[in-house]
PDB file of N, CA and C in Angstrom:
ATOM      1  N   UNK A   1     -87.213  17.964  99.829  1.00  0.00           N
ATOM      2  CA  UNK A   1     -86.850  16.733 100.497  1.00  0.00           C
ATOM      3  C   UNK A   1     -85.610  16.101  99.867  1.00  0.00           C
ATOM      4  N   UNK A   2     -85.528  16.127  98.530  1.00  0.00           N
ATOM      5  CA  UNK A   2     -84.381  15.501  97.882  1.00  0.00           C
ATOM      6  C   UNK A   2     -83.089  16.237  98.237  1.00  0.00           C
ATOM      7  N   UNK A   3     -83.145  17.564  98.282  1.00  0.00           N
ATOM      8  CA  UNK A   3     -81.954  18.345  98.641  1.00  0.00           C
ATOM      9  C   UNK A   3     -81.533  18.043 100.074  1.00  0.00           C
ATOM     10  N   UNK A   4     -82.483  17.966 100.986  1.00  0.00           N
ATOM     11  CA  UNK A   4     -82.169  17.668 102.382  1.00  0.00           C
ATOM     12  C   UNK A   4     -81.509  16.295 102.507  1.00  0.00           C
ATOM     13  N   UNK A   5     -82.060  15.305 101.830  1.00  0.00           N
ATOM     14  CA  UNK A   5     -81.476  13.969 101.843  1.00  0.00           C
ATOM     15  C   UNK A   5     -80.082  13.951 101.228  1.00  0.00           C
ATOM     16  N   UNK A   6     -79.897  14.720 100.159  1.00  0.00           N
ATOM     17  CA  UNK A   6     -78.596  14.818  99.521  1.00  0.00           C
ATOM     18  C   UNK A   6     -77.573  15.420 100.482  1.00  0.00           C
ATOM     19  N   UNK A   7     -77.928  16.529 101.125  1.00  0.00           N
ATOM     20  CA  UNK A   7     -77.017  17.185 102.071  1.00  0.00           C
ATOM     21  C   UNK A   7     -76.646  16.259 103.226  1.00  0.00           C
ATOM     22  N   UNK A   8     -77.615  15.573 103.774  1.00  0.00           N
ATOM     23  CA  UNK A   8     -77.339  14.655 104.887  1.00  0.00           C
ATOM     24  C   UNK A   8     -76.414  13.518 104.450  1.00  0.00           C
ATOM     25  N   UNK A   9     -76.694  12.969 103.279  1.00  0.00           N
ATOM     26  CA  UNK A   9     -75.864  11.882 102.769  1.00  0.00           C
ATOM     27  C   UNK A   9     -74.441  12.348 102.479  1.00  0.00           C
ATOM     28  N   UNK A  10     -74.314  13.522 101.876  1.00  0.00           N
ATOM     29  CA  UNK A  10     -72.988  14.049 101.562  1.00  0.00           C
ATOM     30  C   UNK A  10     -72.204  14.356 102.832  1.00  0.00           C
ATOM     31  N   UNK A  11     -72.875  14.904 103.836  1.00  0.00           N
ATOM     32  CA  UNK A  11     -72.193  15.180 105.109  1.00  0.00           C
ATOM     33  C   UNK A  11     -71.623  13.891 105.703  1.00  0.00           C
ATOM     34  N   UNK A  12     -72.418  12.843 105.663  1.00  0.00           N
ATOM     35  CA  UNK A  12     -71.973  11.563 106.218  1.00  0.00           C
ATOM     36  C   UNK A  12     -70.838  10.965 105.382  1.00  0.00           C
ATOM     37  N   UNK A  13     -71.008  10.986 104.044  1.00  0.00           N
ATOM     38  CA  UNK A  13     -69.996  10.403 103.162  1.00  0.00           C
ATOM     39  C   UNK A  13     -68.674  11.161 103.201  1.00  0.00           C
ATOM     40  N   UNK A  14     -68.733  12.487 103.186  1.00  0.00           N
ATOM     41  CA  UNK A  14     -67.491  13.262 103.199  1.00  0.00           C
ATOM     42  C   UNK A  14     -66.759  13.123 104.525  1.00  0.00           C
ATOM     43  N   UNK A  15     -67.466  12.734 105.564  1.00  0.00           N
ATOM     44  CA  UNK A  15     -66.812  12.455 106.833  1.00  0.00           C
ATOM     45  C   UNK A  15     -66.059  11.135 106.828  1.00  0.00           C
ATOM     46  N   UNK A  16     -66.429  10.228 105.919  1.00  0.00           N
ATOM     47  CA  UNK A  16     -65.809   8.902 105.858  1.00  0.00           C
ATOM     48  C   UNK A  16     -64.882   8.723 104.655  1.00  0.00           C
ATOM     49  N   UNK A  17     -65.167   9.430 103.541  1.00  0.00           N
ATOM     50  CA  UNK A  17     -64.458   9.209 102.282  1.00  0.00           C
ATOM     51  C   UNK A  17     -63.968  10.520 101.687  1.00  0.00           C
ATOM     52  N   UNK A  18     -62.951  10.411 100.841  1.00  0.00           N
ATOM     53  CA  UNK A  18     -62.508  11.547 100.050  1.00  0.00           C
ATOM     54  C   UNK A  18     -63.230  11.447  98.708  1.00  0.00           C
ATOM     55  N   UNK A  19     -64.206  12.300  98.477  1.00  0.00           N
ATOM     56  CA  UNK A  19     -65.047  12.218  97.270  1.00  0.00           C
ATOM     57  C   UNK A  19     -64.519  13.184  96.223  1.00  0.00           C
ATOM     58  N   UNK A  20     -64.205  12.654  95.038  1.00  0.00           N
ATOM     59  CA  UNK A  20     -63.717  13.479  93.945  1.00  0.00           C
ATOM     60  C   UNK A  20     -64.800  13.834  92.941  1.00  0.00           C
ATOM     61  N   UNK A  21     -65.826  12.973  92.820  1.00  0.00           N
ATOM     62  CA  UNK A  21     -66.900  13.211  91.853  1.00  0.00           C
ATOM     63  C   UNK A  21     -68.198  12.629  92.378  1.00  0.00           C
ATOM     64  N   UNK A  22     -69.288  13.353  92.173  1.00  0.00           N
ATOM     65  CA  UNK A  22     -70.623  12.893  92.552  1.00  0.00           C
ATOM     66  C   UNK A  22     -71.478  12.866  91.294  1.00  0.00           C
ATOM     67  N   UNK A  23     -72.102  11.730  91.026  1.00  0.00           N
ATOM     68  CA  UNK A  23     -72.965  11.571  89.854  1.00  0.00           C
ATOM     69  C   UNK A  23     -74.400  11.470  90.345  1.00  0.00           C
ATOM     70  N   UNK A  24     -75.253  12.367  89.840  1.00  0.00           N
ATOM     71  CA  UNK A  24     -76.650  12.414  90.265  1.00  0.00           C
ATOM     72  C   UNK A  24     -77.558  12.546  89.041  1.00  0.00           C
ATOM     73  N   UNK A  25     -78.871  12.520  89.299  1.00  0.00           N
ATOM     74  CA  UNK A  25     -79.805  12.860  88.240  1.00  0.00           C
ATOM     75  C   UNK A  25     -79.769  14.383  88.066  1.00  0.00           C
ATOM     76  N   UNK A  26     -80.586  14.909  87.193  1.00  0.00           N
ATOM     77  CA  UNK A  26     -80.533  16.333  86.861  1.00  0.00           C
ATOM     78  C   UNK A  26     -81.431  17.178  87.768  1.00  0.00           C
ATOM     79  N   UNK A  27     -81.513  16.854  89.034  1.00  0.00           N
ATOM     80  CA  UNK A  27     -82.339  17.606  89.976  1.00  0.00           C
ATOM     81  C   UNK A  27     -81.769  19.014  90.147  1.00  0.00           C
ATOM     82  N   UNK A  28     -82.586  20.028  89.945  1.00  0.00           N
ATOM     83  CA  UNK A  28     -82.098  21.409  89.922  1.00  0.00           C
ATOM     84  C   UNK A  28     -81.537  21.869  91.271  1.00  0.00           C
ATOM     85  N   UNK A  29     -82.148  21.462  92.367  1.00  0.00           N
ATOM     86  CA  UNK A  29     -81.655  21.896  93.674  1.00  0.00           C
ATOM     87  C   UNK A  29     -80.299  21.271  93.995  1.00  0.00           C
ATOM     88  N   UNK A  30     -80.100  20.033  93.601  1.00  0.00           N
ATOM     89  CA  UNK A  30     -78.809  19.388  93.842  1.00  0.00           C
ATOM     90  C   UNK A  30     -77.739  20.012  92.953  1.00  0.00           C
ATOM     91  N   UNK A  31     -78.066  20.274  91.695  1.00  0.00           N
ATOM     92  CA  UNK A  31     -77.112  20.921  90.797  1.00  0.00           C
ATOM     93  C   UNK A  31     -76.708  22.293  91.335  1.00  0.00           C
ATOM     94  N   UNK A  32     -77.677  23.052  91.840  1.00  0.00           N
ATOM     95  CA  UNK A  32     -77.381  24.370  92.416  1.00  0.00           C
ATOM     96  C   UNK A  32     -76.499  24.238  93.649  1.00  0.00           C
ATOM     97  N   UNK A  33     -76.765  23.256  94.482  1.00  0.00           N
ATOM     98  CA  UNK A  33     -75.956  23.051  95.682  1.00  0.00           C
ATOM     99  C   UNK A  33     -74.519  22.712  95.303  1.00  0.00           C
ATOM    100  N   UNK A  34     -74.352  21.861  94.316  1.00  0.00           N
ATOM    101  CA  UNK A  34     -73.004  21.474  93.895  1.00  0.00           C
ATOM    102  C   UNK A  34     -72.246  22.662  93.297  1.00  0.00           C
ATOM    103  N   UNK A  35     -72.952  23.573  92.648  1.00  0.00           N
ATOM    104  CA  UNK A  35     -72.310  24.748  92.054  1.00  0.00           C
ATOM    105  C   UNK A  35     -71.981  25.823  93.078  1.00  0.00           C
ATOM    106  N   UNK A  36     -72.883  26.038  94.054  1.00  0.00           N
ATOM    107  CA  UNK A  36     -72.780  27.230  94.895  1.00  0.00           C
ATOM    108  C   UNK A  36     -72.321  27.002  96.329  1.00  0.00           C
ATOM    109  N   UNK A  37     -72.438  25.793  96.845  1.00  0.00           N
ATOM    110  CA  UNK A  37     -72.054  25.553  98.242  1.00  0.00           C
ATOM    111  C   UNK A  37     -70.540  25.363  98.353  1.00  0.00           C
ATOM    112  N   UNK A  38     -69.951  26.085  99.275  1.00  0.00           N
ATOM    113  CA  UNK A  38     -68.507  26.013  99.486  1.00  0.00           C
ATOM    114  C   UNK A  38     -68.052  24.599  99.862  1.00  0.00           C
ATOM    115  N   UNK A  39     -68.864  23.893 100.635  1.00  0.00           N
ATOM    116  CA  UNK A  39     -68.449  22.560 101.087  1.00  0.00           C
ATOM    117  C   UNK A  39     -68.365  21.539  99.956  1.00  0.00           C
ATOM    118  N   UNK A  40     -68.959  21.843  98.793  1.00  0.00           N
ATOM    119  CA  UNK A  40     -68.892  20.946  97.639  1.00  0.00           C
ATOM    120  C   UNK A  40     -67.959  21.476  96.546  1.00  0.00           C
ATOM    121  N   UNK A  41     -67.224  22.522  96.818  1.00  0.00           N
ATOM    122  CA  UNK A  41     -66.435  23.195  95.771  1.00  0.00           C
ATOM    123  C   UNK A  41     -65.332  22.305  95.185  1.00  0.00           C
ATOM    124  N   UNK A  42     -64.832  21.356  95.929  1.00  0.00           N
ATOM    125  CA  UNK A  42     -63.755  20.481  95.452  1.00  0.00           C
ATOM    126  C   UNK A  42     -64.271  19.199  94.799  1.00  0.00           C
ATOM    127  N   UNK A  43     -65.590  19.038  94.730  1.00  0.00           N
ATOM    128  CA  UNK A  43     -66.191  17.817  94.188  1.00  0.00           C
ATOM    129  C   UNK A  43     -66.770  18.105  92.805  1.00  0.00           C
ATOM    130  N   UNK A  44     -66.345  17.316  91.823  1.00  0.00           N
ATOM    131  CA  UNK A  44     -66.891  17.449  90.473  1.00  0.00           C
ATOM    132  C   UNK A  44     -68.292  16.853  90.454  1.00  0.00           C
ATOM    133  N   UNK A  45     -69.223  17.534  89.791  1.00  0.00           N
ATOM    134  CA  UNK A  45     -70.596  17.053  89.690  1.00  0.00           C
ATOM    135  C   UNK A  45     -70.879  16.637  88.252  1.00  0.00           C
ATOM    136  N   UNK A  46     -71.355  15.409  88.071  1.00  0.00           N
ATOM    137  CA  UNK A  46     -71.748  14.902  86.755  1.00  0.00           C
ATOM    138  C   UNK A  46     -73.178  14.370  86.836  1.00  0.00           C
ATOM    139  N   UNK A  47     -73.819  14.349  85.680  1.00  0.00           N
ATOM    140  CA  UNK A  47     -75.175  13.813  85.618  1.00  0.00           C
ATOM    141  C   UNK A  47     -75.147  12.392  85.070  1.00  0.00           C
ATOM    142  N   UNK A  48     -76.051  11.585  85.569  1.00  0.00           N
ATOM    143  CA  UNK A  48     -76.223  10.202  85.127  1.00  0.00           C
ATOM    144  C   UNK A  48     -76.527  10.190  83.633  1.00  0.00           C
ATOM    145  N   UNK A  49     -75.855   9.330  82.876  1.00  0.00           N
ATOM    146  CA  UNK A  49     -76.011   9.286  81.421  1.00  0.00           C
ATOM    147  C   UNK A  49     -77.438   8.897  81.014  1.00  0.00           C
ATOM    148  N   UNK A  50     -78.121   8.084  81.810  1.00  0.00           N
ATOM    149  CA  UNK A  50     -79.488   7.702  81.466  1.00  0.00           C
ATOM    150  C   UNK A  50     -80.387   8.935  81.450  1.00  0.00           C
ATOM    151  N   UNK A  51     -80.228   9.784  82.454  1.00  0.00           N
ATOM    152  CA  UNK A  51     -81.037  11.000  82.496  1.00  0.00           C
ATOM    153  C   UNK A  51     -80.670  11.944  81.354  1.00  0.00           C
ATOM    154  N   UNK A  52     -79.381  11.967  80.982  1.00  0.00           N
ATOM    155  CA  UNK A  52     -78.965  12.793  79.848  1.00  0.00           C
ATOM    156  C   UNK A  52     -79.637  12.352  78.570  1.00  0.00           C
ATOM    157  N   UNK A  53     -79.656  11.048  78.313  1.00  0.00           N
ATOM    158  CA  UNK A  53     -80.319  10.532  77.115  1.00  0.00           C
ATOM    159  C   UNK A  53     -81.812  10.798  77.122  1.00  0.00           C
ATOM    160  N   UNK A  54     -82.408  10.639  78.278  1.00  0.00           N
ATOM    161  CA  UNK A  54     -83.851  10.880  78.409  1.00  0.00           C
ATOM    162  C   UNK A  54     -84.181  12.347  78.144  1.00  0.00           C
ATOM    163  N   UNK A  55     -83.371  13.254  78.692  1.00  0.00           N
ATOM    164  CA  UNK A  55     -83.624  14.685  78.503  1.00  0.00           C
ATOM    165  C   UNK A  55     -83.416  15.110  77.052  1.00  0.00           C
ATOM    166  N   UNK A  56     -82.369  14.571  76.412  1.00  0.00           N
ATOM    167  CA  UNK A  56     -82.139  14.894  74.997  1.00  0.00           C
ATOM    168  C   UNK A  56     -83.292  14.378  74.139  1.00  0.00           C
ATOM    169  N   UNK A  57     -83.748  13.159  74.430  1.00  0.00           N
ATOM    170  CA  UNK A  57     -84.869  12.605  73.670  1.00  0.00           C
ATOM    171  C   UNK A  57     -86.104  13.485  73.812  1.00  0.00           C
ATOM    172  N   UNK A  58     -86.367  13.953  75.021  1.00  0.00           N
ATOM    173  CA  UNK A  58     -87.535  14.801  75.256  1.00  0.00           C
ATOM    174  C   UNK A  58     -87.444  16.100  74.445  1.00  0.00           C
ATOM    175  N   UNK A  59     -86.251  16.701  74.398  1.00  0.00           N
ATOM    176  CA  UNK A  59     -86.074  17.952  73.656  1.00  0.00           C
ATOM    177  C   UNK A  59     -86.199  17.723  72.153  1.00  0.00           C
ATOM    178  N   UNK A  60     -85.634  16.621  71.661  1.00  0.00           N
ATOM    179  CA  UNK A  60     -85.736  16.318  70.233  1.00  0.00           C
ATOM    180  C   UNK A  60     -87.180  16.004  69.859  1.00  0.00           C
ATOM    181  N   UNK A  61     -87.877  15.284  70.713  1.00  0.00           N
ATOM    182  CA  UNK A  61     -89.279  14.961  70.457  1.00  0.00           C
ATOM    183  C   UNK A  61     -90.111  16.240  70.351  1.00  0.00           C
ATOM    184  N   UNK A  62     -89.881  17.178  71.257  1.00  0.00           N
ATOM    185  CA  UNK A  62     -90.628  18.442  71.220  1.00  0.00           C
ATOM    186  C   UNK A  62     -90.310  19.220  69.945  1.00  0.00           C
ATOM    187  N   UNK A  63     -89.030  19.264  69.573  1.00  0.00           N
ATOM    188  CA  UNK A  63     -88.646  19.968  68.352  1.00  0.00           C
ATOM    189  C   UNK A  63     -89.229  19.288  67.118  1.00  0.00           C
ATOM    190  N   UNK A  64     -89.269  17.962  67.119  1.00  0.00           N
ATOM    191  CA  UNK A  64     -89.800  17.243  65.956  1.00  0.00           C
ATOM    192  C   UNK A  64     -91.296  17.455  65.808  1.00  0.00           C
ATOM    193  N   UNK A  65     -91.991  17.622  66.920  1.00  0.00           N
ATOM    194  CA  UNK A  65     -93.432  17.879  66.846  1.00  0.00           C
ATOM    195  C   UNK A  65     -93.694  19.216  66.159  1.00  0.00           C
ATOM    196  N   UNK A  66     -92.783  20.155  66.353  1.00  0.00           N
ATOM    197  CA  UNK A  66     -92.954  21.478  65.762  1.00  0.00           C
ATOM    198  C   UNK A  66     -92.546  21.518  64.294  1.00  0.00           C
ATOM    199  N   UNK A  67     -91.492  20.747  63.928  1.00  0.00           N
ATOM    200  CA  UNK A  67     -90.984  20.888  62.573  1.00  0.00           C
ATOM    201  C   UNK A  67     -91.193  19.668  61.669  1.00  0.00           C
ATOM    202  N   UNK A  68     -91.319  18.481  62.237  1.00  0.00           N
ATOM    203  CA  UNK A  68     -91.410  17.278  61.419  1.00  0.00           C
ATOM    204  C   UNK A  68     -92.739  16.538  61.579  1.00  0.00           C
ATOM    205  N   UNK A  69     -93.752  17.187  62.046  1.00  0.00           N
ATOM    206  CA  UNK A  69     -95.079  16.609  62.228  1.00  0.00           C
ATOM    207  C   UNK A  69     -95.045  15.310  63.032  1.00  0.00           C
ATOM    208  N   UNK A  70     -94.263  15.301  64.124  1.00  0.00           N
ATOM    209  CA  UNK A  70     -94.336  14.184  65.052  1.00  0.00           C
ATOM    210  C   UNK A  70     -93.349  13.060  64.843  1.00  0.00           C
ATOM    211  N   UNK A  71     -92.371  13.197  63.978  1.00  0.00           N
ATOM    212  CA  UNK A  71     -91.386  12.133  63.784  1.00  0.00           C
ATOM    213  C   UNK A  71     -90.517  12.005  65.034  1.00  0.00           C
ATOM    214  N   UNK A  72     -90.461  10.800  65.598  1.00  0.00           N
ATOM    215  CA  UNK A  72     -89.696  10.586  66.834  1.00  0.00           C
ATOM    216  C   UNK A  72     -88.492   9.685  66.623  1.00  0.00           C
ATOM    217  N   UNK A  73     -88.215   9.285  65.407  1.00  0.00           N
ATOM    218  CA  UNK A  73     -87.148   8.315  65.142  1.00  0.00           C
ATOM    219  C   UNK A  73     -85.789   8.811  65.607  1.00  0.00           C
ATOM    220  N   UNK A  74     -85.413  10.035  65.278  1.00  0.00           N
ATOM    221  CA  UNK A  74     -84.102  10.556  65.648  1.00  0.00           C
ATOM    222  C   UNK A  74     -83.931  10.611  67.159  1.00  0.00           C
ATOM    223  N   UNK A  75     -84.908  11.121  67.855  1.00  0.00           N
ATOM    224  CA  UNK A  75     -84.832  11.206  69.315  1.00  0.00           C
ATOM    225  C   UNK A  75     -84.707   9.847  69.961  1.00  0.00           C
ATOM    226  N   UNK A  76     -85.456   8.878  69.471  1.00  0.00           N
ATOM    227  CA  UNK A  76     -85.409   7.524  70.023  1.00  0.00           C
ATOM    228  C   UNK A  76     -84.042   6.894  69.767  1.00  0.00           C
ATOM    229  N   UNK A  77     -83.469   7.116  68.587  1.00  0.00           N
ATOM    230  CA  UNK A  77     -82.138   6.576  68.270  1.00  0.00           C
ATOM    231  C   UNK A  77     -81.078   7.160  69.201  1.00  0.00           C
ATOM    232  N   UNK A  78     -81.146   8.449  69.459  1.00  0.00           N
ATOM    233  CA  UNK A  78     -80.166   9.081  70.340  1.00  0.00           C
ATOM    234  C   UNK A  78     -80.322   8.574  71.767  1.00  0.00           C
ATOM    235  N   UNK A  79     -81.555   8.460  72.239  1.00  0.00           N
ATOM    236  CA  UNK A  79     -81.782   7.944  73.593  1.00  0.00           C
ATOM    237  C   UNK A  79     -81.233   6.518  73.712  1.00  0.00           C
ATOM    238  N   UNK A  80     -81.484   5.685  72.715  1.00  0.00           N
ATOM    239  CA  UNK A  80     -80.987   4.314  72.746  1.00  0.00           C
ATOM    240  C   UNK A  80     -79.467   4.269  72.690  1.00  0.00           C
ATOM    241  N   UNK A  81     -78.850   5.210  71.974  1.00  0.00           N
ATOM    242  CA  UNK A  81     -77.383   5.285  71.931  1.00  0.00           C
ATOM    243  C   UNK A  81     -76.815   5.565  73.316  1.00  0.00           C
ATOM    244  N   UNK A  82     -77.460   6.458  74.053  1.00  0.00           N
ATOM    245  CA  UNK A  82     -77.032   6.738  75.420  1.00  0.00           C
ATOM    246  C   UNK A  82     -77.127   5.478  76.271  1.00  0.00           C
ATOM    247  N   UNK A  83     -78.199   4.724  76.105  1.00  0.00           N
ATOM    248  CA  UNK A  83     -78.374   3.504  76.894  1.00  0.00           C
ATOM    249  C   UNK A  83     -77.328   2.452  76.541  1.00  0.00           C
ATOM    250  N   UNK A  84     -76.982   2.336  75.266  1.00  0.00           N
ATOM    251  CA  UNK A  84     -75.945   1.392  74.858  1.00  0.00           C
ATOM    252  C   UNK A  84     -74.612   1.782  75.478  1.00  0.00           C
ATOM    253  N   UNK A  85     -74.296   3.079  75.470  1.00  0.00           N
ATOM    254  CA  UNK A  85     -73.055   3.553  76.100  1.00  0.00           C
ATOM    255  C   UNK A  85     -73.057   3.234  77.583  1.00  0.00           C
ATOM    256  N   UNK A  86     -74.182   3.442  78.218  1.00  0.00           N
ATOM    257  CA  UNK A  86     -74.285   3.186  79.658  1.00  0.00           C
ATOM    258  C   UNK A  86     -74.065   1.710  79.955  1.00  0.00           C
ATOM    259  N   UNK A  87     -74.659   0.842  79.147  1.00  0.00           N
ATOM    260  CA  UNK A  87     -74.503  -0.598  79.363  1.00  0.00           C
ATOM    261  C   UNK A  87     -73.066  -1.038  79.132  1.00  0.00           C
ATOM    262  N   UNK A  88     -72.358  -0.342  78.224  1.00  0.00           N
ATOM    263  CA  UNK A  88     -70.982  -0.688  77.929  1.00  0.00           C
ATOM    264  C   UNK A  88     -70.008  -0.263  79.012  1.00  0.00           C
ATOM    265  N   UNK A  89     -70.416   0.644  79.891  1.00  0.00           N
ATOM    266  CA  UNK A  89     -69.536   1.110  80.959  1.00  0.00           C
ATOM    267  C   UNK A  89     -69.572   0.117  82.111  1.00  0.00           C
ATOM    268  N   UNK A  90     -68.429  -0.346  82.488  1.00  0.00           N
ATOM    269  CA  UNK A  90     -68.323  -1.285  83.609  1.00  0.00           C
ATOM    270  C   UNK A  90     -67.349  -0.700  84.626  1.00  0.00           C
ATOM    271  N   UNK A  91     -67.671  -0.860  85.883  1.00  0.00           N
ATOM    272  CA  UNK A  91     -66.750  -0.425  86.939  1.00  0.00           C
ATOM    273  C   UNK A  91     -65.558  -1.366  86.948  1.00  0.00           C
ATOM    274  N   UNK A  92     -64.390  -0.826  86.961  1.00  0.00           N
ATOM    275  CA  UNK A  92     -63.154  -1.622  86.943  1.00  0.00           C
ATOM    276  C   UNK A  92     -62.787  -2.046  88.333  1.00  0.00           C
TER     277      UNK A  92
END
């Protein structure tokens, strides 16, 4: 469903606007579409920084459970750093 909604929205938007970059969450079907579909070949695809911080925190948390007996401090600090960067970004 998310891919279908993405395709419909992109079809409508590209008919009205010249899109240079699309920022989305890390949905695998959308990422695959942006990489492999010819109609999106000229559009740069980036992931939302909030999702990036969340995913990094999840990976660090899993690694810490294996090696540091559950310490989550480093992962939480990195996730919060991503959020601070996101809050500092303002549309000009």
